[in-house]
Each structure stands twice: as structure tokens, then as C-alpha cells.
N, C-alpha and C. Protein backbone atom coordinates (compact mmCIF):
# COMPACT_ATOMS: atom_id res chain seq x y z
N MET A 1 -1.14 -37.73 21.68
CA MET A 1 -0.97 -36.97 20.05
C MET A 1 -1.82 -35.41 19.87
N ILE A 2 -1.55 -34.74 18.70
CA ILE A 2 -2.36 -34.05 18.14
C ILE A 2 -3.40 -34.10 17.33
N ASP A 3 -4.58 -34.04 18.03
CA ASP A 3 -5.27 -33.70 16.52
C ASP A 3 -6.05 -32.64 16.49
N PHE A 4 -5.56 -32.63 14.68
CA PHE A 4 -5.95 -31.90 14.16
C PHE A 4 -7.23 -31.01 12.98
N ALA A 5 -7.69 -32.40 13.66
CA ALA A 5 -9.62 -31.90 13.01
C ALA A 5 -9.70 -31.00 14.07
N SER A 6 -9.01 -30.16 15.18
CA SER A 6 -9.82 -29.05 15.39
C SER A 6 -9.15 -27.73 14.63
N TYR A 7 -8.08 -28.03 14.33
CA TYR A 7 -7.22 -26.96 13.23
C TYR A 7 -8.71 -26.21 11.94
N GLU A 8 -8.50 -25.53 11.55
CA GLU A 8 -8.70 -24.74 9.74
C GLU A 8 -7.64 -24.20 9.71
N ILE A 9 -7.44 -24.31 7.82
CA ILE A 9 -6.39 -23.74 7.84
C ILE A 9 -6.30 -22.65 6.78
N VAL A 10 -6.10 -21.36 6.81
CA VAL A 10 -6.58 -19.92 6.68
C VAL A 10 -5.06 -20.15 5.37
N VAL A 11 -5.01 -19.61 4.47
CA VAL A 11 -4.27 -19.50 3.48
C VAL A 11 -4.51 -17.93 2.85
N GLY A 12 -3.14 -17.05 2.96
CA GLY A 12 -3.51 -15.54 2.61
C GLY A 12 -2.69 -15.56 1.49
N LEU A 13 -3.08 -14.12 0.63
CA LEU A 13 -2.47 -14.10 -0.53
C LEU A 13 -2.26 -12.28 -0.34
N GLU A 14 -1.03 -11.98 -0.68
CA GLU A 14 -0.75 -10.69 -0.56
C GLU A 14 0.39 -10.56 -2.54
N VAL A 15 -0.25 -9.22 -3.18
CA VAL A 15 -0.14 -9.70 -3.96
C VAL A 15 0.71 -7.75 -5.10
N HIS A 16 2.32 -7.96 -5.17
CA HIS A 16 2.78 -6.41 -5.56
C HIS A 16 2.44 -6.60 -6.99
N ALA A 17 2.03 -5.31 -7.19
CA ALA A 17 2.61 -5.07 -8.39
C ALA A 17 2.25 -2.90 -8.45
N ARG A 18 3.14 -3.07 -9.94
CA ARG A 18 3.48 -1.47 -9.94
C ARG A 18 2.36 -1.15 -10.91
N LEU A 19 1.66 0.06 -10.65
CA LEU A 19 0.84 0.79 -11.51
C LEU A 19 1.77 1.58 -12.14
N LEU A 20 1.48 2.59 -13.13
CA LEU A 20 1.62 3.80 -14.11
C LEU A 20 0.98 4.49 -13.53
N THR A 21 1.11 4.93 -12.57
CA THR A 21 0.70 6.37 -11.84
C THR A 21 1.71 7.11 -11.65
N ALA A 22 1.31 8.58 -10.97
CA ALA A 22 2.43 9.68 -10.83
C ALA A 22 2.71 9.42 -9.59
N SER A 23 1.62 9.19 -8.53
CA SER A 23 1.56 9.21 -7.06
C SER A 23 1.45 8.36 -6.61
N LYS A 24 1.35 7.95 -5.10
CA LYS A 24 1.20 6.57 -4.38
C LYS A 24 -0.78 6.02 -4.55
N LEU A 25 -0.58 5.33 -4.31
CA LEU A 25 -1.87 4.36 -3.72
C LEU A 25 -2.24 5.49 -2.54
N PHE A 26 -2.37 6.11 -1.91
CA PHE A 26 -2.83 6.85 -1.09
C PHE A 26 -3.12 7.64 -0.06
N CYS A 27 -1.89 8.47 -1.18
CA CYS A 27 -1.57 10.05 -1.18
C CYS A 27 -1.14 10.59 -2.58
N ALA A 28 -0.95 12.22 -2.35
CA ALA A 28 -0.97 12.65 -3.44
C ALA A 28 0.96 12.42 -3.10
N ASP A 29 1.62 12.13 -2.80
CA ASP A 29 3.16 11.97 -3.36
C ASP A 29 3.36 11.59 -4.17
N SER A 30 4.97 12.23 -5.47
CA SER A 30 5.04 11.63 -6.31
C SER A 30 5.79 9.70 -5.58
N ASN A 31 5.58 9.21 -7.16
CA ASN A 31 6.02 7.61 -6.59
C ASN A 31 7.99 7.58 -7.45
N GLN A 32 8.39 8.97 -7.73
CA GLN A 32 9.60 8.90 -8.71
C GLN A 32 10.46 7.93 -8.88
N TYR A 33 10.88 6.41 -9.40
CA TYR A 33 11.70 6.12 -8.29
C TYR A 33 13.27 6.49 -9.10
N GLY A 34 14.07 6.52 -7.78
CA GLY A 34 15.93 7.19 -8.16
C GLY A 34 15.21 8.09 -7.78
N ALA A 35 14.31 8.69 -7.03
CA ALA A 35 14.33 9.95 -6.12
C ALA A 35 15.49 9.96 -4.65
N ALA A 36 15.83 10.95 -4.11
CA ALA A 36 16.84 10.70 -3.65
C ALA A 36 16.35 10.64 -2.28
N PRO A 37 16.69 10.07 -1.19
CA PRO A 37 15.91 9.20 0.28
C PRO A 37 15.62 10.08 1.00
N ASN A 38 13.68 9.80 1.20
CA ASN A 38 12.93 10.87 2.26
C ASN A 38 12.63 12.35 1.36
N THR A 39 12.76 11.65 -0.07
CA THR A 39 12.31 13.53 -0.55
C THR A 39 10.34 13.08 -0.70
N ASN A 40 10.23 11.96 -1.26
CA ASN A 40 8.72 10.92 -1.55
C ASN A 40 7.79 10.74 -0.37
N VAL A 41 7.76 11.62 0.08
CA VAL A 41 6.90 11.81 1.91
C VAL A 41 6.82 13.06 2.18
N SER A 42 5.46 12.48 2.43
CA SER A 42 4.04 12.98 3.46
C SER A 42 4.15 13.23 4.71
N PRO A 43 3.07 13.75 5.47
CA PRO A 43 2.66 13.51 6.73
C PRO A 43 1.82 12.25 6.66
N ILE A 44 1.54 12.04 5.37
CA ILE A 44 -0.24 11.13 5.07
C ILE A 44 1.01 9.30 5.00
N THR A 45 2.24 9.57 4.23
CA THR A 45 2.81 8.27 3.97
C THR A 45 3.38 8.89 5.45
N LEU A 46 3.82 9.41 6.13
CA LEU A 46 4.67 8.55 7.93
C LEU A 46 3.35 8.23 8.52
N GLY A 47 2.54 9.07 8.44
CA GLY A 47 1.48 7.88 9.41
C GLY A 47 1.07 9.34 10.11
N HIS A 48 1.21 11.04 9.65
CA HIS A 48 0.99 11.25 11.85
C HIS A 48 -0.33 11.32 11.75
N PRO A 49 -0.56 12.11 13.14
CA PRO A 49 -1.25 11.42 13.52
C PRO A 49 -2.27 12.73 12.83
N GLY A 50 -3.84 12.27 13.00
CA GLY A 50 -4.45 13.53 11.94
C GLY A 50 -4.95 13.52 10.40
N THR A 51 -4.07 12.58 10.52
CA THR A 51 -3.74 11.87 8.55
C THR A 51 -4.51 11.10 8.08
N LEU A 52 -5.77 11.97 6.84
CA LEU A 52 -6.23 10.73 6.61
C LEU A 52 -5.54 10.31 5.29
N PRO A 53 -6.00 9.08 4.72
CA PRO A 53 -5.25 8.54 2.91
C PRO A 53 -6.46 8.79 2.04
N ARG A 54 -5.92 9.40 1.09
CA ARG A 54 -6.85 9.47 0.24
C ARG A 54 -6.65 8.71 -1.23
N LEU A 55 -7.66 7.99 -2.04
CA LEU A 55 -7.12 6.57 -2.81
C LEU A 55 -6.92 8.21 -3.93
N ASN A 56 -6.12 7.10 -4.82
CA ASN A 56 -5.84 7.39 -6.06
C ASN A 56 -6.36 6.59 -7.20
N LYS A 57 -7.64 7.88 -7.59
CA LYS A 57 -8.71 7.49 -8.55
C LYS A 57 -7.91 7.02 -9.70
N LYS A 58 -6.65 7.26 -10.24
CA LYS A 58 -6.11 6.51 -11.88
C LYS A 58 -5.22 5.34 -11.55
N ALA A 59 -5.47 5.20 -9.90
CA ALA A 59 -5.41 3.48 -9.21
C ALA A 59 -6.87 2.37 -9.76
N VAL A 60 -7.50 3.19 -9.38
CA VAL A 60 -8.57 2.38 -9.46
C VAL A 60 -9.03 1.88 -10.72
N GLU A 61 -8.90 3.50 -11.66
CA GLU A 61 -8.90 2.85 -13.19
C GLU A 61 -8.01 1.80 -14.00
N LEU A 62 -6.68 1.35 -13.27
CA LEU A 62 -6.03 1.07 -13.65
C LEU A 62 -6.21 -0.63 -12.91
N ALA A 63 -6.91 -1.02 -12.35
CA ALA A 63 -7.31 -2.21 -11.25
C ALA A 63 -7.87 -2.81 -12.24
């Protein structure tokens, strides 16, 4: 039989919310709904080497 006393329960919660901002959370790319595919992207969104994210100040204000 398995001894469950040696295990620890870990529960995670992931929340998604749409904020009323003109750009994405970690870059200046537009977040326009309904835009043509692959038009609201940049090297930051694509995760290219050497790119660093920039936090959207408006999203912080709305949080």
C-alpha cells in the first residue's frame, strides 16, 4: 500500500483577464481583436534572443 503521508498537496490557480489596454502586457504590440493573423507580433512577442519584455504601465494601473 502507498504511504500518502509523505506527499504534500500543491494547488495552483491560473487566471485570465482581458484588460482595456491598447497594447499587450509585456510589449508595445497592438492587441486588436480580429486583426489579420500574425500582424500583432514583434521580436519581443516571438521571444527572439536578446529581446527584453517591457511591462505595460496601464495594465499595472488597472490591476
